PDB file of N, CA and C in Angstrom:
ATOM      1  N   MET A   1      19.241   7.492   1.225  1.00  0.00           N
ATOM      2  CA  MET A   1      18.668   7.937  -0.082  1.00  0.00           C
ATOM      3  C   MET A   1      17.671   9.297   0.005  1.00  0.00           C
ATOM      4  N   GLU A   2      17.812   9.860   1.448  1.00  0.00           N
ATOM      5  CA  GLU A   2      16.502  10.831   1.162  1.00  0.00           C
ATOM      6  C   GLU A   2      16.744  11.830   0.086  1.00  0.00           C
ATOM      7  N   ALA A   3      17.798  12.197  -0.660  1.00  0.00           N
ATOM      8  CA  ALA A   3      17.861  13.096  -1.690  1.00  0.00           C
ATOM      9  C   ALA A   3      17.154  12.709  -3.026  1.00  0.00           C
ATOM     10  N   GLU A   4      17.421  11.330  -3.258  1.00  0.00           N
ATOM     11  CA  GLU A   4      16.754  10.725  -4.235  1.00  0.00           C
ATOM     12  C   GLU A   4      15.458  10.421  -3.861  1.00  0.00           C
ATOM     13  N   ARG A   5      14.815  10.340  -2.733  1.00  0.00           N
ATOM     14  CA  ARG A   5      13.417  10.133  -2.372  1.00  0.00           C
ATOM     15  C   ARG A   5      12.647  11.242  -2.773  1.00  0.00           C
ATOM     16  N   GLU A   6      13.539  12.393  -2.258  1.00  0.00           N
ATOM     17  CA  GLU A   6      12.866  13.979  -2.382  1.00  0.00           C
ATOM     18  C   GLU A   6      12.534  14.616  -4.109  1.00  0.00           C
ATOM     19  N   GLN A   7      13.538  13.913  -4.848  1.00  0.00           N
ATOM     20  CA  GLN A   7      13.362  14.122  -6.010  1.00  0.00           C
ATOM     21  C   GLN A   7      11.973  13.286  -6.887  1.00  0.00           C
ATOM     22  N   VAL A   8      11.589  12.466  -6.204  1.00  0.00           N
ATOM     23  CA  VAL A   8      10.405  11.964  -6.880  1.00  0.00           C
ATOM     24  C   VAL A   8       8.982  11.722  -6.182  1.00  0.00           C
ATOM     25  N   ARG A   9       9.441  12.241  -4.811  1.00  0.00           N
ATOM     26  CA  ARG A   9       8.060  12.320  -3.916  1.00  0.00           C
ATOM     27  C   ARG A   9       6.972  12.445  -4.452  1.00  0.00           C
ATOM     28  N   ASP A  10       6.567  13.658  -5.047  1.00  0.00           N
ATOM     29  CA  ASP A  10       5.677  14.176  -5.656  1.00  0.00           C
ATOM     30  C   ASP A  10       5.014  13.172  -6.618  1.00  0.00           C
ATOM     31  N   GLY A  11       5.709  12.296  -7.349  1.00  0.00           N
ATOM     32  CA  GLY A  11       5.438  11.589  -8.292  1.00  0.00           C
ATOM     33  C   GLY A  11       4.844  10.127  -7.705  1.00  0.00           C
ATOM     34  N   HIS A  12       5.370  10.054  -6.214  1.00  0.00           N
ATOM     35  CA  HIS A  12       5.184   8.757  -5.409  1.00  0.00           C
ATOM     36  C   HIS A  12       4.035   9.166  -5.029  1.00  0.00           C
ATOM     37  N   ARG A  13       3.415  10.177  -4.672  1.00  0.00           N
ATOM     38  CA  ARG A  13       2.440  10.644  -3.965  1.00  0.00           C
ATOM     39  C   ARG A  13       1.073  10.737  -4.782  1.00  0.00           C
ATOM     40  N   GLN A  14       1.527  11.262  -6.197  1.00  0.00           N
ATOM     41  CA  GLN A  14       0.340  11.222  -7.182  1.00  0.00           C
ATOM     42  C   GLN A  14       0.284   9.573  -7.498  1.00  0.00           C
ATOM     43  N   HIS A  15       1.208   8.750  -7.571  1.00  0.00           N
ATOM     44  CA  HIS A  15       0.577   7.511  -7.908  1.00  0.00           C
ATOM     45  C   HIS A  15      -0.328   6.781  -6.663  1.00  0.00           C
ATOM     46  N   LEU A  16       0.232   7.202  -5.614  1.00  0.00           N
ATOM     47  CA  LEU A  16      -0.648   6.845  -4.508  1.00  0.00           C
ATOM     48  C   LEU A  16      -1.875   7.197  -4.550  1.00  0.00           C
ATOM     49  N   ALA A  17      -2.492   8.680  -4.833  1.00  0.00           N
ATOM     50  CA  ALA A  17      -3.762   9.271  -4.886  1.00  0.00           C
ATOM     51  C   ALA A  17      -4.194   8.767  -6.358  1.00  0.00           C
ATOM     52  N   ALA A  18      -3.756   8.063  -6.971  1.00  0.00           N
ATOM     53  CA  ALA A  18      -4.201   7.684  -8.338  1.00  0.00           C
ATOM     54  C   ALA A  18      -4.911   6.261  -7.882  1.00  0.00           C
ATOM     55  N   GLN A  19      -4.692   5.874  -6.795  1.00  0.00           N
ATOM     56  CA  GLN A  19      -5.331   4.353  -6.639  1.00  0.00           C
ATOM     57  C   GLN A  19      -6.426   4.381  -5.891  1.00  0.00           C
ATOM     58  N   GLY A  20      -6.719   5.812  -5.480  1.00  0.00           N
ATOM     59  CA  GLY A  20      -8.324   5.810  -4.991  1.00  0.00           C
ATOM     60  C   GLY A  20      -8.367   4.997  -3.646  1.00  0.00           C
ATOM     61  N   LYS A  21      -9.798   4.763  -3.444  1.00  0.00           N
ATOM     62  CA  LYS A  21     -10.311   3.777  -2.233  1.00  0.00           C
ATOM     63  C   LYS A  21      -9.487   2.633  -2.158  1.00  0.00           C
ATOM     64  N   LYS A  22      -8.873   2.118  -3.542  1.00  0.00           N
ATOM     65  CA  LYS A  22      -8.178   0.849  -3.386  1.00  0.00           C
ATOM     66  C   LYS A  22      -7.031   0.778  -2.221  1.00  0.00           C
ATOM     67  N   LEU A  23      -6.530   2.230  -2.346  1.00  0.00           N
ATOM     68  CA  LEU A  23      -5.225   2.346  -1.090  1.00  0.00           C
ATOM     69  C   LEU A  23      -5.892   2.467   0.098  1.00  0.00           C
ATOM     70  N   LEU A  24      -5.757   1.376   1.058  1.00  0.00           N
ATOM     71  CA  LEU A  24      -6.290   1.609   2.488  1.00  0.00           C
ATOM     72  C   LEU A  24      -5.740   2.600   3.294  1.00  0.00           C
ATOM     73  N   ALA A  25      -4.249   1.966   3.240  1.00  0.00           N
ATOM     74  CA  ALA A  25      -3.310   3.050   3.917  1.00  0.00           C
ATOM     75  C   ALA A  25      -1.909   3.014   3.400  1.00  0.00           C
ATOM     76  N   SER A  26      -1.089   4.117   3.424  1.00  0.00           N
ATOM     77  CA  SER A  26       0.343   3.911   3.019  1.00  0.00           C
ATOM     78  C   SER A  26       0.705   5.105   3.743  1.00  0.00           C
ATOM     79  N   GLY A  27       2.271   5.015   4.119  1.00  0.00           N
ATOM     80  CA  GLY A  27       3.200   5.669   5.069  1.00  0.00           C
ATOM     81  C   GLY A  27       4.458   5.304   5.321  1.00  0.00           C
ATOM     82  N   ALA A  28       5.299   5.990   5.744  1.00  0.00           N
ATOM     83  CA  ALA A  28       6.946   5.502   6.042  1.00  0.00           C
ATOM     84  C   ALA A  28       6.830   5.001   7.242  1.00  0.00           C
ATOM     85  N   LEU A  29       7.725   3.733   7.265  1.00  0.00           N
ATOM     86  CA  LEU A  29       7.924   3.191   8.340  1.00  0.00           C
ATOM     87  C   LEU A  29       9.244   3.964   9.168  1.00  0.00           C
ATOM     88  N   LEU A  30       9.380   3.998  10.269  1.00  0.00           N
ATOM     89  CA  LEU A  30      10.500   4.910  10.898  1.00  0.00           C
ATOM     90  C   LEU A  30      11.048   4.254  11.929  1.00  0.00           C
ATOM     91  N   ALA A  31      12.241   4.882  12.160  1.00  0.00           N
ATOM     92  CA  ALA A  31      13.261   4.175  13.062  1.00  0.00           C
ATOM     93  C   ALA A  31      12.809   4.465  14.259  1.00  0.00           C
ATOM     94  N   GLU A  32      13.585   4.014  15.307  1.00  0.00           N
ATOM     95  CA  GLU A  32      13.002   4.470  16.871  1.00  0.00           C
ATOM     96  C   GLU A  32      13.247   5.894  17.233  1.00  0.00           C
ATOM     97  N   ASP A  33      13.673   6.379  16.433  1.00  0.00           N
ATOM     98  CA  ASP A  33      13.980   7.979  16.609  1.00  0.00           C
ATOM     99  C   ASP A  33      12.639   8.951  16.254  1.00  0.00           C
ATOM    100  N   GLY A  34      11.738   8.067  15.706  1.00  0.00           N
ATOM    101  CA  GLY A  34      10.691   8.579  15.240  1.00  0.00           C
ATOM    102  C   GLY A  34      10.763   9.710  13.942  1.00  0.00           C
ATOM    103  N   VAL A  35      11.902   9.675  13.433  1.00  0.00           N
ATOM    104  CA  VAL A  35      12.428  10.931  12.217  1.00  0.00           C
ATOM    105  C   VAL A  35      12.786   9.634  11.193  1.00  0.00           C
ATOM    106  N   THR A  36      13.829   9.306  11.374  1.00  0.00           N
ATOM    107  CA  THR A  36      14.622   8.401  10.297  1.00  0.00           C
ATOM    108  C   THR A  36      13.715   7.458   9.426  1.00  0.00           C
ATOM    109  N   ILE A  37      13.615   7.515   8.219  1.00  0.00           N
ATOM    110  CA  ILE A  37      12.639   6.763   7.388  1.00  0.00           C
ATOM    111  C   ILE A  37      13.458   5.401   7.056  1.00  0.00           C
ATOM    112  N   VAL A  38      13.204   4.382   7.578  1.00  0.00           N
ATOM    113  CA  VAL A  38      13.681   3.242   7.275  1.00  0.00           C
ATOM    114  C   VAL A  38      13.009   2.127   5.911  1.00  0.00           C
ATOM    115  N   GLY A  39      11.965   2.551   5.594  1.00  0.00           N
ATOM    116  CA  GLY A  39      11.034   1.939   4.771  1.00  0.00           C
ATOM    117  C   GLY A  39       9.643   2.119   4.609  1.00  0.00           C
ATOM    118  N   GLY A  40       8.796   1.505   4.143  1.00  0.00           N
ATOM    119  CA  GLY A  40       7.344   1.930   3.846  1.00  0.00           C
ATOM    120  C   GLY A  40       6.274   1.080   3.617  1.00  0.00           C
ATOM    121  N   ALA A  41       4.853   1.160   4.093  1.00  0.00           N
ATOM    122  CA  ALA A  41       4.232  -0.011   3.993  1.00  0.00           C
ATOM    123  C   ALA A  41       2.788   0.363   3.139  1.00  0.00           C
ATOM    124  N   SER A  42       2.332   0.068   2.221  1.00  0.00           N
ATOM    125  CA  SER A  42       1.162   0.383   1.794  1.00  0.00           C
ATOM    126  C   SER A  42      -0.106  -0.756   1.850  1.00  0.00           C
ATOM    127  N   LEU A  43      -1.179  -0.805   2.146  1.00  0.00           N
ATOM    128  CA  LEU A  43      -2.378  -1.757   2.094  1.00  0.00           C
ATOM    129  C   LEU A  43      -3.254  -1.602   1.028  1.00  0.00           C
ATOM    130  N   LEU A  44      -3.272  -2.263  -0.036  1.00  0.00           N
ATOM    131  CA  LEU A  44      -3.899  -2.034  -1.350  1.00  0.00           C
ATOM    132  C   LEU A  44      -5.219  -3.221  -1.318  1.00  0.00           C
ATOM    133  N   ASP A  45      -6.250  -2.905  -1.447  1.00  0.00           N
ATOM    134  CA  ASP A  45      -7.567  -3.631  -1.420  1.00  0.00           C
ATOM    135  C   ASP A  45      -7.500  -4.383  -2.793  1.00  0.00           C
ATOM    136  N   THR A  46      -6.866  -5.456  -2.767  1.00  0.00           N
ATOM    137  CA  THR A  46      -7.115  -6.294  -4.166  1.00  0.00           C
ATOM    138  C   THR A  46      -7.028  -7.790  -3.684  1.00  0.00           C
ATOM    139  N   ASP A  47      -7.392  -8.559  -4.743  1.00  0.00           N
ATOM    140  CA  ASP A  47      -7.894 -10.118  -4.564  1.00  0.00           C
ATOM    141  C   ASP A  47      -6.579 -10.522  -5.581  1.00  0.00           C
ATOM    142  N   SER A  48      -5.772  -9.556  -6.132  1.00  0.00           N
ATOM    143  CA  SER A  48      -4.914  -9.755  -7.103  1.00  0.00           C
ATOM    144  C   SER A  48      -3.637  -9.562  -6.786  1.00  0.00           C
ATOM    145  N   ARG A  49      -2.468 -10.449  -6.535  1.00  0.00           N
ATOM    146  CA  ARG A  49      -1.404 -10.647  -6.452  1.00  0.00           C
ATOM    147  C   ARG A  49      -0.678  -9.729  -7.506  1.00  0.00           C
ATOM    148  N   GLU A  50      -0.881 -10.164  -8.635  1.00  0.00           N
ATOM    149  CA  GLU A  50      -0.515  -9.476  -9.636  1.00  0.00           C
ATOM    150  C   GLU A  50      -0.750  -7.583 -10.015  1.00  0.00           C
ATOM    151  N   GLU A  51      -1.963  -7.317  -9.448  1.00  0.00           N
ATOM    152  CA  GLU A  51      -2.220  -6.022  -9.552  1.00  0.00           C
ATOM    153  C   GLU A  51      -1.156  -5.249  -8.315  1.00  0.00           C
ATOM    154  N   ALA A  52      -1.009  -6.182  -7.218  1.00  0.00           N
ATOM    155  CA  ALA A  52      -0.374  -5.200  -6.050  1.00  0.00           C
ATOM    156  C   ALA A  52       1.524  -5.399  -6.750  1.00  0.00           C
ATOM    157  N   VAL A  53       1.583  -6.589  -7.340  1.00  0.00           N
ATOM    158  CA  VAL A  53       3.064  -6.472  -7.891  1.00  0.00           C
ATOM    159  C   VAL A  53       3.183  -5.108  -8.512  1.00  0.00           C
ATOM    160  N   ARG A  54       2.301  -5.124  -9.697  1.00  0.00           N
ATOM    161  CA  ARG A  54       2.232  -4.064 -10.693  1.00  0.00           C
ATOM    162  C   ARG A  54       2.093  -2.557 -10.000  1.00  0.00           C
ATOM    163  N   PHE A  55       1.300  -2.300  -8.852  1.00  0.00           N
ATOM    164  CA  PHE A  55       1.174  -1.243  -8.144  1.00  0.00           C
ATOM    165  C   PHE A  55       2.758  -1.029  -7.457  1.00  0.00           C
ATOM    166  N   GLU A  56       3.664  -1.480  -7.015  1.00  0.00           N
ATOM    167  CA  GLU A  56       4.439  -1.253  -6.525  1.00  0.00           C
ATOM    168  C   GLU A  56       5.647  -1.010  -7.827  1.00  0.00           C
ATOM    169  N   ALA A  57       5.537  -1.760  -8.784  1.00  0.00           N
ATOM    170  CA  ALA A  57       6.309  -1.364  -9.711  1.00  0.00           C
ATOM    171  C   ALA A  57       6.173  -0.450 -10.604  1.00  0.00           C
ATOM    172  N   GLU A  58       5.131   0.118 -10.670  1.00  0.00           N
ATOM    173  CA  GLU A  58       4.847   1.379 -11.269  1.00  0.00           C
ATOM    174  C   GLU A  58       4.905   2.843 -10.302  1.00  0.00           C
ATOM    175  N   ASP A  59       5.545   2.448  -9.017  1.00  0.00           N
ATOM    176  CA  ASP A  59       5.754   3.576  -8.216  1.00  0.00           C
ATOM    177  C   ASP A  59       7.064   4.398  -8.592  1.00  0.00           C
ATOM    178  N   PRO A  60       6.951   5.504  -8.649  1.00  0.00           N
ATOM    179  CA  PRO A  60       8.046   6.439  -8.972  1.00  0.00           C
ATOM    180  C   PRO A  60       9.293   5.631  -7.983  1.00  0.00           C
ATOM    181  N   TYR A  61       8.868   5.396  -6.712  1.00  0.00           N
ATOM    182  CA  TYR A  61      10.183   5.254  -5.760  1.00  0.00           C
ATOM    183  C   TYR A  61      10.667   3.939  -6.561  1.00  0.00           C
ATOM    184  N   ALA A  62       9.874   2.748  -6.749  1.00  0.00           N
ATOM    185  CA  ALA A  62      10.236   1.567  -7.373  1.00  0.00           C
ATOM    186  C   ALA A  62      11.261   2.204  -8.456  1.00  0.00           C
ATOM    187  N   LYS A  63      10.854   2.738  -9.442  1.00  0.00           N
ATOM    188  CA  LYS A  63      11.767   2.930 -10.770  1.00  0.00           C
ATOM    189  C   LYS A  63      12.957   3.543 -10.539  1.00  0.00           C
ATOM    190  N   ALA A  64      12.849   4.462  -9.417  1.00  0.00           N
ATOM    191  CA  ALA A  64      14.089   5.316  -8.863  1.00  0.00           C
ATOM    192  C   ALA A  64      15.025   4.394  -8.390  1.00  0.00           C
ATOM    193  N   GLY A  65      14.756   3.046  -8.143  1.00  0.00           N
ATOM    194  CA  GLY A  65      15.620   2.310  -7.434  1.00  0.00           C
ATOM    195  C   GLY A  65      15.958   2.503  -5.891  1.00  0.00           C
ATOM    196  N   ILE A  66      14.949   3.072  -5.322  1.00  0.00           N
ATOM    197  CA  ILE A  66      14.950   3.893  -4.210  1.00  0.00           C
ATOM    198  C   ILE A  66      14.975   2.522  -3.116  1.00  0.00           C
ATOM    199  N   ARG A  67      13.827   1.575  -3.277  1.00  0.00           N
ATOM    200  CA  ARG A  67      13.925   0.468  -2.466  1.00  0.00           C
ATOM    201  C   ARG A  67      14.855  -0.618  -2.439  1.00  0.00           C
ATOM    202  N   ARG A  68      15.322  -1.172  -1.298  1.00  0.00           N
ATOM    203  CA  ARG A  68      16.306  -2.231  -1.214  1.00  0.00           C
ATOM    204  C   ARG A  68      15.564  -3.389  -1.518  1.00  0.00           C
ATOM    205  N   GLU A  69      14.572  -3.401  -0.796  1.00  0.00           N
ATOM    206  CA  GLU A  69      13.531  -4.809  -0.826  1.00  0.00           C
ATOM    207  C   GLU A  69      12.245  -4.558  -0.915  1.00  0.00           C
ATOM    208  N   VAL A  70      11.687  -5.440  -1.755  1.00  0.00           N
ATOM    209  CA  VAL A  70      10.197  -5.245  -1.678  1.00  0.00           C
ATOM    210  C   VAL A  70       9.609  -6.673  -1.523  1.00  0.00           C
ATOM    211  N   ARG A  71       8.651  -6.693  -0.267  1.00  0.00           N
ATOM    212  CA  ARG A  71       7.720  -7.815  -0.195  1.00  0.00           C
ATOM    213  C   ARG A  71       6.361  -7.428  -0.457  1.00  0.00           C
ATOM    214  N   VAL A  72       5.569  -8.278  -1.283  1.00  0.00           N
ATOM    215  CA  VAL A  72       3.972  -8.313  -1.065  1.00  0.00           C
ATOM    216  C   VAL A  72       3.618  -9.454  -0.456  1.00  0.00           C
ATOM    217  N   ILE A  73       2.804  -9.156   0.769  1.00  0.00           N
ATOM    218  CA  ILE A  73       2.229  -9.924   1.425  1.00  0.00           C
ATOM    219  C   ILE A  73       0.781  -9.955   1.439  1.00  0.00           C
ATOM    220  N   GLU A  74       0.329 -11.690   1.145  1.00  0.00           N
ATOM    221  CA  GLU A  74      -1.319 -11.222   1.256  1.00  0.00           C
ATOM    222  C   GLU A  74      -1.688 -11.065   2.773  1.00  0.00           C
ATOM    223  N   TRP A  75      -2.527 -10.292   2.612  1.00  0.00           N
ATOM    224  CA  TRP A  75      -3.366  -9.933   4.472  1.00  0.00           C
ATOM    225  C   TRP A  75      -4.855 -10.042   4.329  1.00  0.00           C
ATOM    226  N   ARG A  76      -5.499 -10.698   5.379  1.00  0.00           N
ATOM    227  CA  ARG A  76      -6.765 -10.910   5.342  1.00  0.00           C
ATOM    228  C   ARG A  76      -7.034  -9.907   6.302  1.00  0.00           C
ATOM    229  N   LEU A  77      -8.024  -9.255   5.976  1.00  0.00           N
ATOM    230  CA  LEU A  77      -8.980  -8.044   6.748  1.00  0.00           C
ATOM    231  C   LEU A  77      -9.592  -8.935   7.563  1.00  0.00           C
ATOM    232  N   ARG A  78      -9.675  -8.446   8.835  1.00  0.00           N
ATOM    233  CA  ARG A  78     -10.620  -8.923   9.729  1.00  0.00           C
ATOM    234  C   ARG A  78     -11.242  -7.932  10.816  1.00  0.00           C
ATOM    235  N   TRP A  79     -10.550  -6.906  10.887  1.00  0.00           N
ATOM    236  CA  TRP A  79     -10.973  -5.733  11.724  1.00  0.00           C
ATOM    237  C   TRP A  79     -10.818  -4.504  10.870  1.00  0.00           C
ATOM    238  N   TRP A  80     -11.835  -3.572  10.957  1.00  0.00           N
ATOM    239  CA  TRP A  80     -11.761  -2.324  10.105  1.00  0.00           C
ATOM    240  C   TRP A  80     -12.621  -1.497  10.810  1.00  0.00           C
ATOM    241  N   LEU A  81     -12.024  -0.207  11.289  1.00  0.00           N
ATOM    242  CA  LEU A  81     -12.419   0.718  12.032  1.00  0.00           C
ATOM    243  C   LEU A  81     -13.374   0.089  13.097  1.00  0.00           C
ATOM    244  N   GLY A  82     -12.927  -0.722  13.946  1.00  0.00           N
ATOM    245  CA  GLY A  82     -13.543  -1.038  15.176  1.00  0.00           C
ATOM    246  C   GLY A  82     -14.984  -2.157  14.743  1.00  0.00           C
ATOM    247  N   ASP A  83     -15.032  -2.609  13.634  1.00  0.00           N
ATOM    248  CA  ASP A  83     -16.048  -3.358  13.233  1.00  0.00           C
ATOM    249  C   ASP A  83     -15.609  -4.917  13.230  1.00  0.00           C
ATOM    250  N   PHE A  84     -15.838  -5.692  13.867  1.00  0.00           N
ATOM    251  CA  PHE A  84     -15.897  -7.197  13.614  1.00  0.00           C
ATOM    252  C   PHE A  84     -16.737  -7.863  12.943  1.00  0.00           C
ATOM    253  N   ASP A  85     -16.466  -8.610  11.749  1.00  0.00           N
ATOM    254  CA  ASP A  85     -17.311  -9.582  11.290  1.00  0.00           C
ATOM    255  C   ASP A  85     -16.209 -10.749  10.938  1.00  0.00           C
ATOM    256  N   ALA A  86     -17.065 -11.829  11.672  1.00  0.00           N
ATOM    257  CA  ALA A  86     -16.358 -13.444  11.399  1.00  0.00           C
ATOM    258  C   ALA A  86     -16.073 -13.618  10.093  1.00  0.00           C
ATOM    259  N   ASP A  87     -16.748 -13.163   9.184  1.00  0.00           N
ATOM    260  CA  ASP A  87     -16.153 -13.266   7.477  1.00  0.00           C
ATOM    261  C   ASP A  87     -15.536 -12.409   7.052  1.00  0.00           C
ATOM    262  N   GLY A  88     -15.027 -11.427   8.006  1.00  0.00           N
ATOM    263  CA  GLY A  88     -13.966 -10.171   7.197  1.00  0.00           C
ATOM    264  C   GLY A  88     -15.095  -9.390   6.513  1.00  0.00           C
ATOM    265  N   HIS A  89     -14.240  -8.096   6.326  1.00  0.00           N
ATOM    266  CA  HIS A  89     -14.627  -7.215   5.725  1.00  0.00           C
ATOM    267  C   HIS A  89     -13.881  -6.444   4.861  1.00  0.00           C
ATOM    268  N   ARG A  90     -14.481  -6.063   3.604  1.00  0.00           N
ATOM    269  CA  ARG A  90     -13.651  -5.267   2.607  1.00  0.00           C
ATOM    270  C   ARG A  90     -14.138  -4.170   2.419  1.00  0.00           C
ATOM    271  N   PRO A  91     -13.779  -3.023   2.388  1.00  0.00           N
ATOM    272  CA  PRO A  91     -14.353  -1.631   1.962  1.00  0.00           C
ATOM    273  C   PRO A  91     -14.826  -1.568   0.510  1.00  0.00           C
ATOM    274  N   SER A  92     -14.181  -2.038  -0.476  1.00  0.00           N
ATOM    275  CA  SER A  92     -14.609  -2.374  -1.652  1.00  0.00           C
ATOM    276  C   SER A  92     -15.943  -2.933  -1.787  1.00  0.00           C
ATOM    277  N   GLY A  93     -16.247  -3.901  -0.877  1.00  0.00           N
ATOM    278  CA  GLY A  93     -17.444  -4.609  -1.025  1.00  0.00           C
ATOM    279  C   GLY A  93     -17.532  -5.729  -1.944  1.00  0.00           C
ATOM    280  N   LYS A  94     -16.139  -6.214  -2.117  1.00  0.00           N
ATOM    281  CA  LYS A  94     -16.028  -7.342  -3.112  1.00  0.00           C
ATOM    282  C   LYS A  94     -15.234  -8.548  -2.104  1.00  0.00           C
ATOM    283  N   ARG A  95     -15.468  -9.581  -2.367  1.00  0.00           N
ATOM    284  CA  ARG A  95     -14.855 -10.610  -1.934  1.00  0.00           C
ATOM    285  C   ARG A  95     -14.776 -11.824  -2.915  1.00  0.00           C
ATOM    286  N   ASN A  96     -13.313 -12.234  -3.200  1.00  0.00           N
ATOM    287  CA  ASN A  96     -13.240 -13.027  -4.311  1.00  0.00           C
ATOM    288  C   ASN A  96     -13.659 -12.743  -5.730  1.00  0.00           C
ATOM    289  N   GLY A  97     -13.466 -11.621  -5.985  1.00  0.00           N
ATOM    290  CA  GLY A  97     -13.843 -10.763  -7.063  1.00  0.00           C
ATOM    291  C   GLY A  97     -15.414 -10.904  -7.425  1.00  0.00           C
ATOM    292  N   LYS A  98     -16.350 -11.200  -6.549  1.00  0.00           N
ATOM    293  CA  LYS A  98     -17.415 -10.568  -6.288  1.00  0.00           C
ATOM    294  C   LYS A  98     -17.999  -9.796  -5.784  1.00  0.00           C
ATOM    295  N   THR A  99     -19.097  -8.824  -5.727  1.00  0.00           N
ATOM    296  CA  THR A  99     -19.755  -8.170  -5.003  1.00  0.00           C
ATOM    297  C   THR A  99     -20.581  -8.695  -4.103  1.00  0.00           C
ATOM    298  N   GLU A 100     -20.146  -8.235  -2.725  1.00  0.00           N
ATOM    299  CA  GLU A 100     -21.111  -8.553  -1.619  1.00  0.00           C
ATOM    300  C   GLU A 100     -22.360  -7.848  -1.610  1.00  0.00           C
ATOM    301  N   SER A 101     -23.607  -8.343  -1.183  1.00  0.00           N
ATOM    302  CA  SER A 101     -24.861  -7.476  -1.276  1.00  0.00           C
ATOM    303  C   SER A 101     -24.884  -7.189   0.227  1.00  0.00           C
TER     304      SER A 101
END
C-alpha cells in the first residue's frame, strides 16, 4: 500500500503534529530488512480510550483504508527518559484526569 500511503502521508503527519505534546511517540514498524513498513505505532498521552480511538479514526491513513488492523491498547507508563518513579510519571502532569502537583 506504499502508493496509497504516499498520497496521504502529508495529511497523516499534520494529524500527528496537531496532537502536540499529547503524542509521545509515533513511527513506522519495519520488517527485518529495516526498510519495508509492516505497520505503525503511536503513544498518545490520554486517560480516555475514546480519545485514543478518535485519534486513530481521524488519521488520514485510517480514512484512506490503509490499515488492515488497529488495536488500541492501554499502556501504563513506568519509566520515562531514564527517570523511574514507583507511582509512574506522565509528561502531561495528569493522573486520572487530575493535575499532579
